[in-house]
Amino acid sequence: MTTRDYLVVYAKGAAMGAADAVPGVSGGTIALIAGIYERLVGALAALDPQEAVALLALVPRLGRSDAREEFWVSLVRMDVPFLAVLGVGVLSAVVTVANAVHVAIADYPGVTFAFFFGLIAASVVVLLGEVTLDTPGRVGAAVAGFALAFVLSGQAQADVLPGGLPVLFVVGAVAICAMVLPGVSGSLILITLGKYETMTSAVSEATDALLGGDGAAAVDPVSTLVVFMVGALAGILTFARVVQWALEHYRAATLTFLVALMAGALRAPAIQIGAANPTWTAASAAAVVAAGVVGGGLVLLLDATTDDLDY
C-alpha cells in the first residue's frame, strides 16, 4: 500500500475506535462502510499462531539481511502491517476521541445520538447495493439480522451474570465480536450482559491505583482487564474465521445479514434520542435533525472520497 493508503487506514482505525466506545455504534460498521471490512476479517483470520512462533525464532537472526527479508515477507503474508496501522488508529481514538464522545453524551445526549443515528442510517443507504433479497435464504438472513440487532439494541439488563474471571473471559470473547460484526457495538453487548459498569469501573480503579503507586489495590482491576482482553483476543481470532468462511461460501446472504444488523441497530440511538427529549420543542427537533444530517453527510463524504482506494 502507498503512504496515502496507510494514512487513510489509520484514520479509519481511529473512526472504528471512537465508534466502539459508544453503545449502539459498532467499529465493524465503520469498517464495512469504509471499505476495509473484508480486508480486516481476512487479516485477522490469516493470523497463524504457528507462524507467529516461527517469526519469534527469526528475531535473534534479524542482523542478517536474508532473515530480515523472510521476517518481513511473513508479516506481509499475514497482513500484519495493515492490522498494526489500523490498531494504532483504534487505540489512539480510544485514548483521545472516546473521552470527548463521553463528554458529548453526558452534556448533549440527544444531539450526539442523533449524529450516530445519521451515521448508521447513511451507512445502510451506502450498502444497500450489497443487499439481495432474491432467495428465501437471503430474506431469512435479512430478517434474522434485523431482529437480532433490534432486540439487542433495546436491552439494558442488570448484572445478572455471575462474577468471576472465567465469566469475564467469556464476556470478552463475546463483546469483541462487535469488531467484526457490524450493527452491534461491544459497549452495547457489555450493557446487555450487565458488565459495562464492571469493565468501566475496572479501568478507573486500575488507573487510580497505578497512578497512586498502590500495587495491591491494582491487582483485582488489572486481573479483570487482563482476563477480559485475553478472552477478547481468543474471541476475535475465532470469530473472524467464522465470518471469513461465511463470506467465502455465502457472500450475498452474509452481507445482507450484516446490513440488516446495521438497520436493526438504529433502535439504540433512537431510544437515546427519545430519552434525551421527553418534551420536544422546535429548537430541540431542529438540533436533532441537523445532527443527523451532519452524521449522514460525513458517511456519504467518506464513501465518495475513499471509493478509489485499493486495499
C-alpha atoms as a PDB file:
ATOM      1  CA  MET A   1       0.000   0.000   0.000  1.00  0.00           C
ATOM      2  CA  THR A   2       1.053   3.596  -0.543  1.00  0.00           C
ATOM      3  CA  THR A   3       1.651   6.156   2.210  1.00  0.00           C
ATOM      4  CA  ARG A   4      -1.738   7.695   1.453  1.00  0.00           C
ATOM      5  CA  ASP A   5      -3.401   4.306   1.865  1.00  0.00           C
ATOM      6  CA  TYR A   6      -1.731   3.777   5.252  1.00  0.00           C
ATOM      7  CA  LEU A   7      -2.812   7.248   6.427  1.00  0.00           C
ATOM      8  CA  VAL A   8      -6.399   6.528   5.394  1.00  0.00           C
ATOM      9  CA  VAL A   9      -6.280   3.122   7.129  1.00  0.00           C
ATOM     10  CA  TYR A  10      -5.082   4.894  10.289  1.00  0.00           C
ATOM     11  CA  ALA A  11      -7.939   7.401  10.041  1.00  0.00           C
ATOM     12  CA  LYS A  12     -10.469   4.628   9.561  1.00  0.00           C
ATOM     13  CA  GLY A  13      -8.998   2.783  12.545  1.00  0.00           C
ATOM     14  CA  ALA A  14      -9.460   5.940  14.608  1.00  0.00           C
ATOM     15  CA  ALA A  15     -13.080   6.123  13.468  1.00  0.00           C
ATOM     16  CA  MET A  16     -13.558   2.468  14.449  1.00  0.00           C
ATOM     17  CA  GLY A  17     -12.062   3.089  17.893  1.00  0.00           C
ATOM     18  CA  ALA A  18     -14.291   6.088  18.512  1.00  0.00           C
ATOM     19  CA  ALA A  19     -17.352   4.112  17.421  1.00  0.00           C
ATOM     20  CA  ASP A  20     -16.564   1.106  19.614  1.00  0.00           C
ATOM     21  CA  ALA A  21     -16.585   3.299  22.721  1.00  0.00           C
ATOM     22  CA  VAL A  22     -20.214   4.246  22.125  1.00  0.00           C
ATOM     23  CA  PRO A  23     -23.096   1.887  22.956  1.00  0.00           C
ATOM     24  CA  GLY A  24     -25.162   1.351  19.815  1.00  0.00           C
ATOM     25  CA  VAL A  25     -22.378   2.134  17.318  1.00  0.00           C
ATOM     26  CA  SER A  26     -20.075  -0.629  16.075  1.00  0.00           C
ATOM     27  CA  GLY A  27     -16.489  -0.393  14.905  1.00  0.00           C
ATOM     28  CA  GLY A  28     -17.394  -3.178  12.479  1.00  0.00           C
ATOM     29  CA  THR A  29     -19.984  -0.848  10.968  1.00  0.00           C
ATOM     30  CA  ILE A  30     -17.293   1.744  10.297  1.00  0.00           C
ATOM     31  CA  ALA A  31     -15.038  -0.910   8.770  1.00  0.00           C
ATOM     32  CA  LEU A  32     -17.858  -2.047   6.494  1.00  0.00           C
ATOM     33  CA  ILE A  33     -18.836   1.385   5.182  1.00  0.00           C
ATOM     34  CA  ALA A  34     -15.174   2.411   4.890  1.00  0.00           C
ATOM     35  CA  GLY A  35     -14.403  -0.458   2.536  1.00  0.00           C
ATOM     36  CA  ILE A  36     -11.931  -2.340   4.763  1.00  0.00           C
ATOM     37  CA  TYR A  37     -14.283  -4.857   6.373  1.00  0.00           C
ATOM     38  CA  GLU A  38     -13.358  -7.904   4.315  1.00  0.00           C
ATOM     39  CA  ARG A  39      -9.682  -6.949   4.449  1.00  0.00           C
ATOM     40  CA  LEU A  40      -9.908  -6.752   8.248  1.00  0.00           C
ATOM     41  CA  VAL A  41     -11.696 -10.090   8.579  1.00  0.00           C
ATOM     42  CA  GLY A  42      -9.264 -11.773   6.207  1.00  0.00           C
ATOM     43  CA  ALA A  43      -6.232 -10.366   8.003  1.00  0.00           C
ATOM     44  CA  LEU A  44      -7.499 -11.496  11.403  1.00  0.00           C
ATOM     45  CA  ALA A  45      -8.327 -14.940  10.059  1.00  0.00           C
ATOM     46  CA  ALA A  46      -4.842 -15.178   8.495  1.00  0.00           C
ATOM     47  CA  LEU A  47      -3.082 -14.758  11.835  1.00  0.00           C
ATOM     48  CA  ASP A  48      -1.432 -18.129  12.427  1.00  0.00           C
ATOM     49  CA  PRO A  49      -0.067 -18.915  15.928  1.00  0.00           C
ATOM     50  CA  GLN A  50       2.389 -21.440  14.488  1.00  0.00           C
ATOM     51  CA  GLU A  51       3.758 -18.894  12.039  1.00  0.00           C
ATOM     52  CA  ALA A  52       3.996 -16.349  14.857  1.00  0.00           C
ATOM     53  CA  VAL A  53       6.197 -18.777  16.793  1.00  0.00           C
ATOM     54  CA  ALA A  54       8.357 -19.237  13.697  1.00  0.00           C
ATOM     55  CA  LEU A  55       8.724 -15.455  13.460  1.00  0.00           C
ATOM     56  CA  LEU A  56       9.964 -15.295  17.041  1.00  0.00           C
ATOM     57  CA  ALA A  57      12.666 -17.787  16.109  1.00  0.00           C
ATOM     58  CA  LEU A  58      13.886 -15.346  13.442  1.00  0.00           C
ATOM     59  CA  VAL A  59      14.309 -12.446  15.888  1.00  0.00           C
ATOM     60  CA  PRO A  60      17.837 -13.402  17.046  1.00  0.00           C
ATOM     61  CA  ARG A  61      18.943 -13.520  13.374  1.00  0.00           C
ATOM     62  CA  LEU A  62      17.497 -10.186  12.263  1.00  0.00           C
ATOM     63  CA  GLY A  63      21.003  -8.827  11.869  1.00  0.00           C
ATOM     64  CA  ARG A  64      21.216 -10.820   8.625  1.00  0.00           C
ATOM     65  CA  SER A  65      19.544  -9.471   5.506  1.00  0.00           C
ATOM     66  CA  ASP A  66      18.011 -12.828   4.496  1.00  0.00           C
ATOM     67  CA  ALA A  67      16.415 -13.202   7.933  1.00  0.00           C
ATOM     68  CA  ARG A  68      15.015  -9.664   7.783  1.00  0.00           C
ATOM     69  CA  GLU A  69      13.552 -10.318   4.340  1.00  0.00           C
ATOM     70  CA  GLU A  70      11.964 -13.584   5.487  1.00  0.00           C
ATOM     71  CA  PHE A  71      10.593 -11.834   8.583  1.00  0.00           C
ATOM     72  CA  TRP A  72       9.021  -9.022   6.538  1.00  0.00           C
ATOM     73  CA  VAL A  73       7.580 -11.390   3.917  1.00  0.00           C
ATOM     74  CA  SER A  74       5.899 -13.383   6.691  1.00  0.00           C
ATOM     75  CA  LEU A  75       4.449 -10.225   8.231  1.00  0.00           C
ATOM     76  CA  VAL A  76       3.071  -9.081   4.874  1.00  0.00           C
ATOM     77  CA  ARG A  77       1.627 -12.535   4.171  1.00  0.00           C
ATOM     78  CA  MET A  78      -0.361 -12.333   7.424  1.00  0.00           C
ATOM     79  CA  ASP A  79      -1.233  -8.677   6.645  1.00  0.00           C
ATOM     80  CA  VAL A  80       0.296  -7.554   9.933  1.00  0.00           C
ATOM     81  CA  PRO A  81       1.334  -4.075   8.644  1.00  0.00           C
ATOM     82  CA  PHE A  82      -2.304  -3.329   7.783  1.00  0.00           C
ATOM     83  CA  LEU A  83      -3.517  -4.606  11.170  1.00  0.00           C
ATOM     84  CA  ALA A  84      -0.797  -2.667  13.001  1.00  0.00           C
ATOM     85  CA  VAL A  85      -1.664   0.680  11.376  1.00  0.00           C
ATOM     86  CA  LEU A  86      -5.375   0.052  11.887  1.00  0.00           C
ATOM     87  CA  GLY A  87      -4.753  -0.973  15.515  1.00  0.00           C
ATOM     88  CA  VAL A  88      -2.774   2.179  16.258  1.00  0.00           C
ATOM     89  CA  GLY A  89      -5.673   4.211  14.893  1.00  0.00           C
ATOM     90  CA  VAL A  90      -8.173   2.317  17.056  1.00  0.00           C
ATOM     91  CA  LEU A  91      -6.101   2.707  20.234  1.00  0.00           C
ATOM     92  CA  SER A  92      -5.347   6.388  19.673  1.00  0.00           C
ATOM     93  CA  ALA A  93      -9.070   7.078  19.283  1.00  0.00           C
ATOM     94  CA  VAL A  94      -9.944   5.086  22.397  1.00  0.00           C
ATOM     95  CA  VAL A  95      -7.454   7.160  24.382  1.00  0.00           C
ATOM     96  CA  THR A  96      -8.419  10.543  22.939  1.00  0.00           C
ATOM     97  CA  VAL A  97     -11.607  10.802  20.907  1.00  0.00           C
ATOM     98  CA  ALA A  98     -13.595   8.452  23.121  1.00  0.00           C
ATOM     99  CA  ASN A  99     -13.224  10.828  26.067  1.00  0.00           C
ATOM    100  CA  ALA A 100     -14.724  13.656  24.015  1.00  0.00           C
ATOM    101  CA  VAL A 101     -17.556  11.374  22.915  1.00  0.00           C
ATOM    102  CA  HIS A 102     -18.389  10.510  26.505  1.00  0.00           C
ATOM    103  CA  VAL A 103     -18.452  14.209  27.410  1.00  0.00           C
ATOM    104  CA  ALA A 104     -20.744  14.891  24.449  1.00  0.00           C
ATOM    105  CA  ILE A 105     -23.084  12.092  25.506  1.00  0.00           C
ATOM    106  CA  ALA A 106     -23.181  13.435  29.062  1.00  0.00           C
ATOM    107  CA  ASP A 107     -23.768  17.073  28.084  1.00  0.00           C
ATOM    108  CA  TYR A 108     -25.641  16.769  24.775  1.00  0.00           C
ATOM    109  CA  PRO A 109     -27.097  13.225  24.616  1.00  0.00           C
ATOM    110  CA  GLY A 110     -29.922  13.946  22.192  1.00  0.00           C
ATOM    111  CA  VAL A 111     -27.782  15.709  19.610  1.00  0.00           C
ATOM    112  CA  THR A 112     -24.926  13.209  19.985  1.00  0.00           C
ATOM    113  CA  PHE A 113     -27.114  10.166  19.441  1.00  0.00           C
ATOM    114  CA  ALA A 114     -28.871  11.924  16.561  1.00  0.00           C
ATOM    115  CA  PHE A 115     -25.434  12.232  14.966  1.00  0.00           C
ATOM    116  CA  PHE A 116     -24.890   8.496  15.467  1.00  0.00           C
ATOM    117  CA  PHE A 117     -28.349   7.741  14.065  1.00  0.00           C
ATOM    118  CA  GLY A 118     -27.500   9.695  10.917  1.00  0.00           C
ATOM    119  CA  LEU A 119     -24.179   7.913  10.639  1.00  0.00           C
ATOM    120  CA  ILE A 120     -25.737   4.439  10.842  1.00  0.00           C
ATOM    121  CA  ALA A 121     -28.713   5.287   8.620  1.00  0.00           C
ATOM    122  CA  ALA A 122     -26.458   6.655   5.885  1.00  0.00           C
ATOM    123  CA  SER A 123     -24.264   3.563   6.231  1.00  0.00           C
ATOM    124  CA  VAL A 124     -27.277   1.386   5.471  1.00  0.00           C
ATOM    125  CA  VAL A 125     -28.061   3.508   2.413  1.00  0.00           C
ATOM    126  CA  VAL A 126     -24.466   3.269   1.161  1.00  0.00           C
ATOM    127  CA  LEU A 127     -24.505  -0.519   1.480  1.00  0.00           C
ATOM    128  CA  LEU A 128     -27.944  -1.212   0.013  1.00  0.00           C
ATOM    129  CA  GLY A 129     -26.218  -2.269  -3.193  1.00  0.00           C
ATOM    130  CA  GLU A 130     -24.808  -5.274  -1.301  1.00  0.00           C
ATOM    131  CA  VAL A 131     -28.292  -6.440  -0.269  1.00  0.00           C
ATOM    132  CA  THR A 132     -30.117  -9.005  -2.389  1.00  0.00           C
ATOM    133  CA  LEU A 133     -33.466 -10.499  -1.397  1.00  0.00           C
ATOM    134  CA  ASP A 134     -33.980 -12.789  -4.376  1.00  0.00           C
ATOM    135  CA  THR A 135     -33.916 -16.094  -2.461  1.00  0.00           C
ATOM    136  CA  PRO A 136     -35.689 -17.352   0.671  1.00  0.00           C
ATOM    137  CA  GLY A 137     -32.310 -17.785   2.385  1.00  0.00           C
ATOM    138  CA  ARG A 138     -31.352 -14.161   1.860  1.00  0.00           C
ATOM    139  CA  VAL A 139     -34.750 -12.952   3.018  1.00  0.00           C
ATOM    140  CA  GLY A 140     -34.288 -15.072   6.125  1.00  0.00           C
ATOM    141  CA  ALA A 141     -30.802 -13.627   6.648  1.00  0.00           C
ATOM    142  CA  ALA A 142     -32.188 -10.083   6.422  1.00  0.00           C
ATOM    143  CA  VAL A 143     -34.996 -10.795   8.887  1.00  0.00           C
ATOM    144  CA  ALA A 144     -32.647 -12.566  11.310  1.00  0.00           C
ATOM    145  CA  GLY A 145     -30.048  -9.788  11.180  1.00  0.00           C
ATOM    146  CA  PHE A 146     -32.569  -7.013  11.704  1.00  0.00           C
ATOM    147  CA  ALA A 147     -34.343  -8.845  14.525  1.00  0.00           C
ATOM    148  CA  LEU A 148     -31.106  -9.718  16.340  1.00  0.00           C
ATOM    149  CA  ALA A 149     -29.784  -6.147  16.327  1.00  0.00           C
ATOM    150  CA  PHE A 150     -33.219  -4.682  17.114  1.00  0.00           C
ATOM    151  CA  VAL A 151     -33.626  -6.867  20.197  1.00  0.00           C
ATOM    152  CA  LEU A 152     -30.060  -6.449  21.433  1.00  0.00           C
ATOM    153  CA  SER A 153     -30.037  -2.691  20.940  1.00  0.00           C
ATOM    154  CA  GLY A 154     -33.117  -2.351  23.119  1.00  0.00           C
ATOM    155  CA  GLN A 155     -31.688  -4.257  26.067  1.00  0.00           C
ATOM    156  CA  ALA A 156     -30.005  -2.847  29.163  1.00  0.00           C
ATOM    157  CA  GLN A 157     -30.141  -5.593  31.727  1.00  0.00           C
ATOM    158  CA  ALA A 158     -28.816  -5.611  35.273  1.00  0.00           C
ATOM    159  CA  ASP A 159     -25.690  -7.544  36.197  1.00  0.00           C
ATOM    160  CA  VAL A 160     -27.420 -10.926  36.112  1.00  0.00           C
ATOM    161  CA  LEU A 161     -24.360 -12.973  35.182  1.00  0.00           C
ATOM    162  CA  PRO A 162     -22.258 -14.460  37.979  1.00  0.00           C
ATOM    163  CA  GLY A 163     -18.936 -12.896  38.840  1.00  0.00           C
ATOM    164  CA  GLY A 164     -15.504 -14.441  38.484  1.00  0.00           C
ATOM    165  CA  LEU A 165     -12.684 -14.321  35.968  1.00  0.00           C
ATOM    166  CA  PRO A 166     -13.932 -17.257  33.814  1.00  0.00           C
ATOM    167  CA  VAL A 167     -17.172 -15.347  33.159  1.00  0.00           C
ATOM    168  CA  LEU A 168     -15.207 -12.215  32.208  1.00  0.00           C
ATOM    169  CA  PHE A 169     -13.152 -14.308  29.752  1.00  0.00           C
ATOM    170  CA  VAL A 170     -16.355 -15.396  28.005  1.00  0.00           C
ATOM    171  CA  VAL A 171     -17.788 -11.858  28.124  1.00  0.00           C
ATOM    172  CA  GLY A 172     -14.614 -10.524  26.487  1.00  0.00           C
ATOM    173  CA  ALA A 173     -14.817 -13.144  23.736  1.00  0.00           C
ATOM    174  CA  VAL A 174     -18.445 -12.241  23.018  1.00  0.00           C
ATOM    175  CA  ALA A 175     -18.076  -8.446  23.262  1.00  0.00           C
ATOM    176  CA  ILE A 176     -15.091  -8.245  20.901  1.00  0.00           C
ATOM    177  CA  CYS A 177     -17.170  -9.830  18.137  1.00  0.00           C
ATOM    178  CA  ALA A 178     -18.517  -6.331  17.535  1.00  0.00           C
ATOM    179  CA  MET A 179     -15.178  -5.537  15.896  1.00  0.00           C
ATOM    180  CA  VAL A 180     -16.017  -7.978  13.078  1.00  0.00           C
ATOM    181  CA  LEU A 181     -19.818  -7.845  13.327  1.00  0.00           C
ATOM    182  CA  PRO A 182     -21.351  -4.592  12.066  1.00  0.00           C
ATOM    183  CA  GLY A 183     -24.523  -3.377  13.725  1.00  0.00           C
ATOM    184  CA  VAL A 184     -23.827  -4.494  17.301  1.00  0.00           C
ATOM    185  CA  SER A 185     -21.368  -2.498  19.408  1.00  0.00           C
ATOM    186  CA  GLY A 186     -19.087  -4.009  22.021  1.00  0.00           C
ATOM    187  CA  SER A 187     -20.274  -1.480  24.583  1.00  0.00           C
ATOM    188  CA  LEU A 188     -23.885  -2.393  23.835  1.00  0.00           C
ATOM    189  CA  ILE A 189     -23.088  -6.086  24.349  1.00  0.00           C
ATOM    190  CA  LEU A 190     -21.497  -5.269  27.704  1.00  0.00           C
ATOM    191  CA  ILE A 191     -24.598  -3.325  28.720  1.00  0.00           C
ATOM    192  CA  THR A 192     -26.830  -6.208  27.618  1.00  0.00           C
ATOM    193  CA  LEU A 193     -24.758  -8.707  29.614  1.00  0.00           C
ATOM    194  CA  GLY A 194     -24.695  -6.379  32.619  1.00  0.00           C
ATOM    195  CA  LYS A 195     -20.915  -5.975  32.586  1.00  0.00           C
ATOM    196  CA  TYR A 196     -20.491  -2.446  31.209  1.00  0.00           C
ATOM    197  CA  GLU A 197     -20.172  -0.856  34.647  1.00  0.00           C
ATOM    198  CA  THR A 198     -17.908  -3.708  35.771  1.00  0.00           C
ATOM    199  CA  MET A 199     -15.423  -3.022  32.986  1.00  0.00           C
ATOM    200  CA  THR A 200     -15.519   0.771  33.168  1.00  0.00           C
ATOM    201  CA  SER A 201     -15.035   0.569  36.946  1.00  0.00           C
ATOM    202  CA  ALA A 202     -12.071  -1.761  36.453  1.00  0.00           C
ATOM    203  CA  VAL A 203     -10.438   0.741  34.085  1.00  0.00           C
ATOM    204  CA  SER A 204     -10.982   3.610  36.532  1.00  0.00           C
ATOM    205  CA  GLU A 205      -9.811   1.658  39.580  1.00  0.00           C
ATOM    206  CA  ALA A 206      -6.717   0.306  37.821  1.00  0.00           C
ATOM    207  CA  THR A 207      -5.750   3.769  36.596  1.00  0.00           C
ATOM    208  CA  ASP A 208      -6.201   5.356  40.034  1.00  0.00           C
ATOM    209  CA  ALA A 209      -4.271   2.590  41.791  1.00  0.00           C
ATOM    210  CA  LEU A 210      -1.356   2.564  39.345  1.00  0.00           C
ATOM    211  CA  LEU A 211      -1.043   6.349  39.276  1.00  0.00           C
ATOM    212  CA  GLY A 212      -1.200   6.373  43.070  1.00  0.00           C
ATOM    213  CA  GLY A 213       1.510   3.745  43.345  1.00  0.00           C
ATOM    214  CA  ASP A 214      -0.781   1.325  45.197  1.00  0.00           C
ATOM    215  CA  GLY A 215       0.154  -2.006  43.623  1.00  0.00           C
ATOM    216  CA  ALA A 216      -2.007  -4.060  45.971  1.00  0.00           C
ATOM    217  CA  ALA A 217      -5.144  -2.137  45.049  1.00  0.00           C
ATOM    218  CA  ALA A 218      -4.365  -2.576  41.350  1.00  0.00           C
ATOM    219  CA  VAL A 219      -4.278  -6.382  41.446  1.00  0.00           C
ATOM    220  CA  ASP A 220      -8.030  -7.029  41.199  1.00  0.00           C
ATOM    221  CA  PRO A 221      -8.935  -4.466  38.494  1.00  0.00           C
ATOM    222  CA  VAL A 222      -5.837  -5.276  36.426  1.00  0.00           C
ATOM    223  CA  SER A 223      -6.653  -9.003  36.654  1.00  0.00           C
ATOM    224  CA  THR A 224     -10.159  -8.208  35.437  1.00  0.00           C
ATOM    225  CA  LEU A 225      -8.835  -6.242  32.454  1.00  0.00           C
ATOM    226  CA  VAL A 226      -6.197  -8.835  31.534  1.00  0.00           C
ATOM    227  CA  VAL A 227      -8.656 -11.751  31.586  1.00  0.00           C
ATOM    228  CA  PHE A 228     -11.156  -9.714  29.567  1.00  0.00           C
ATOM    229  CA  MET A 229      -8.506  -8.860  26.945  1.00  0.00           C
ATOM    230  CA  VAL A 230      -7.311 -12.478  26.694  1.00  0.00           C
ATOM    231  CA  GLY A 231     -10.917 -13.537  26.126  1.00  0.00           C
ATOM    232  CA  ALA A 232     -11.281 -10.770  23.540  1.00  0.00           C
ATOM    233  CA  LEU A 233      -8.176 -11.983  21.689  1.00  0.00           C
ATOM    234  CA  ALA A 234      -9.465 -15.558  21.621  1.00  0.00           C
ATOM    235  CA  GLY A 235     -12.884 -14.370  20.510  1.00  0.00           C
ATOM    236  CA  ILE A 236     -11.774 -12.159  17.655  1.00  0.00           C
ATOM    237  CA  LEU A 237      -9.326 -14.710  16.230  1.00  0.00           C
ATOM    238  CA  THR A 238     -12.000 -17.415  16.302  1.00  0.00           C
ATOM    239  CA  PHE A 239     -14.959 -15.362  15.143  1.00  0.00           C
ATOM    240  CA  ALA A 240     -13.027 -13.766  12.294  1.00  0.00           C
ATOM    241  CA  ARG A 241     -12.568 -17.210  10.772  1.00  0.00           C
ATOM    242  CA  VAL A 242     -16.309 -17.868  11.027  1.00  0.00           C
ATOM    243  CA  VAL A 243     -17.123 -14.593   9.256  1.00  0.00           C
ATOM    244  CA  GLN A 244     -14.476 -15.214   6.584  1.00  0.00           C
ATOM    245  CA  TRP A 245     -15.927 -18.669   5.906  1.00  0.00           C
ATOM    246  CA  ALA A 246     -19.424 -17.193   5.620  1.00  0.00           C
ATOM    247  CA  LEU A 247     -18.226 -14.517   3.174  1.00  0.00           C
ATOM    248  CA  GLU A 248     -16.446 -17.107   1.043  1.00  0.00           C
ATOM    249  CA  HIS A 249     -19.371 -19.544   0.863  1.00  0.00           C
ATOM    250  CA  TYR A 250     -22.461 -17.355   1.305  1.00  0.00           C
ATOM    251  CA  ARG A 251     -21.279 -13.874   0.399  1.00  0.00           C
ATOM    252  CA  ALA A 252     -24.618 -12.348  -0.667  1.00  0.00           C
ATOM    253  CA  ALA A 253     -26.548 -13.754   2.297  1.00  0.00           C
ATOM    254  CA  THR A 254     -23.802 -12.747   4.743  1.00  0.00           C
ATOM    255  CA  LEU A 255     -23.612  -9.156   3.513  1.00  0.00           C
ATOM    256  CA  THR A 256     -27.415  -8.951   3.542  1.00  0.00           C
ATOM    257  CA  PHE A 257     -27.372 -10.162   7.163  1.00  0.00           C
ATOM    258  CA  LEU A 258     -24.713  -7.605   8.118  1.00  0.00           C
ATOM    259  CA  VAL A 259     -26.521  -4.658   6.524  1.00  0.00           C
ATOM    260  CA  ALA A 260     -29.773  -5.770   8.193  1.00  0.00           C
ATOM    261  CA  LEU A 261     -27.876  -5.811  11.510  1.00  0.00           C
ATOM    262  CA  MET A 262     -26.974  -2.176  10.976  1.00  0.00           C
ATOM    263  CA  ALA A 263     -30.587  -1.265  10.176  1.00  0.00           C
ATOM    264  CA  GLY A 264     -31.844  -3.026  13.304  1.00  0.00           C
ATOM    265  CA  ALA A 265     -29.214  -1.305  15.443  1.00  0.00           C
ATOM    266  CA  LEU A 266     -30.824   2.076  14.667  1.00  0.00           C
ATOM    267  CA  ARG A 267     -33.124   1.350  17.605  1.00  0.00           C
ATOM    268  CA  ALA A 268     -30.307   2.056  20.109  1.00  0.00           C
ATOM    269  CA  PRO A 269     -29.635   5.715  19.196  1.00  0.00           C
ATOM    270  CA  ALA A 270     -33.366   6.268  18.589  1.00  0.00           C
ATOM    271  CA  ILE A 271     -34.124   5.226  22.179  1.00  0.00           C
ATOM    272  CA  GLN A 272     -31.435   7.581  23.473  1.00  0.00           C
ATOM    273  CA  ILE A 273     -32.748  10.474  21.378  1.00  0.00           C
ATOM    274  CA  GLY A 274     -36.241   9.962  22.763  1.00  0.00           C
ATOM    275  CA  ALA A 275     -34.972   9.694  26.346  1.00  0.00           C
ATOM    276  CA  ALA A 276     -32.995  12.924  25.983  1.00  0.00           C
ATOM    277  CA  ASN A 277     -36.028  14.801  24.625  1.00  0.00           C
ATOM    278  CA  PRO A 278     -39.033  13.896  26.782  1.00  0.00           C
ATOM    279  CA  THR A 279     -40.636  17.176  25.715  1.00  0.00           C
ATOM    280  CA  TRP A 280     -39.989  18.145  22.116  1.00  0.00           C
ATOM    281  CA  THR A 281     -39.648  21.754  21.041  1.00  0.00           C
ATOM    282  CA  ALA A 282     -38.955  23.309  17.664  1.00  0.00           C
ATOM    283  CA  ALA A 283     -35.372  24.035  18.747  1.00  0.00           C
ATOM    284  CA  SER A 284     -34.655  20.515  20.033  1.00  0.00           C
ATOM    285  CA  ALA A 285     -36.168  18.933  16.935  1.00  0.00           C
ATOM    286  CA  ALA A 286     -34.092  21.176  14.670  1.00  0.00           C
ATOM    287  CA  ALA A 287     -30.915  20.310  16.576  1.00  0.00           C
ATOM    288  CA  VAL A 288     -31.622  16.580  16.320  1.00  0.00           C
ATOM    289  CA  VAL A 289     -32.344  16.784  12.595  1.00  0.00           C
ATOM    290  CA  ALA A 290     -29.240  18.890  11.959  1.00  0.00           C
ATOM    291  CA  ALA A 291     -27.016  16.471  13.882  1.00  0.00           C
ATOM    292  CA  GLY A 292     -28.454  13.528  11.975  1.00  0.00           C
ATOM    293  CA  VAL A 293     -27.830  15.252   8.655  1.00  0.00           C
ATOM    294  CA  VAL A 294     -24.229  16.007   9.631  1.00  0.00           C
ATOM    295  CA  GLY A 295     -23.631  12.378  10.654  1.00  0.00           C
ATOM    296  CA  GLY A 296     -25.153  11.044   7.466  1.00  0.00           C
ATOM    297  CA  GLY A 297     -23.283  13.583   5.371  1.00  0.00           C
ATOM    298  CA  LEU A 298     -19.945  12.534   6.817  1.00  0.00           C
ATOM    299  CA  VAL A 299     -20.613   8.905   5.890  1.00  0.00           C
ATOM    300  CA  LEU A 300     -21.558   9.848   2.334  1.00  0.00           C
ATOM    301  CA  LEU A 301     -18.442  12.030   2.087  1.00  0.00           C
ATOM    302  CA  LEU A 302     -16.256   9.199   3.391  1.00  0.00           C
ATOM    303  CA  ASP A 303     -17.763   6.809   0.871  1.00  0.00           C
ATOM    304  CA  ALA A 304     -17.253   9.259  -2.008  1.00  0.00           C
ATOM    305  CA  THR A 305     -13.652  10.183  -1.164  1.00  0.00           C
ATOM    306  CA  THR A 306     -12.303   6.705  -0.434  1.00  0.00           C
ATOM    307  CA  ASP A 307     -14.080   4.712  -3.117  1.00  0.00           C
ATOM    308  CA  ASP A 308     -10.971   4.781  -5.326  1.00  0.00           C
ATOM    309  CA  LEU A 309      -8.614   3.281  -2.746  1.00  0.00           C
ATOM    310  CA  ASP A 310      -7.347  -0.229  -3.485  1.00  0.00           C
ATOM    311  CA  TYR A 311      -6.730  -2.225  -0.316  1.00  0.00           C
END
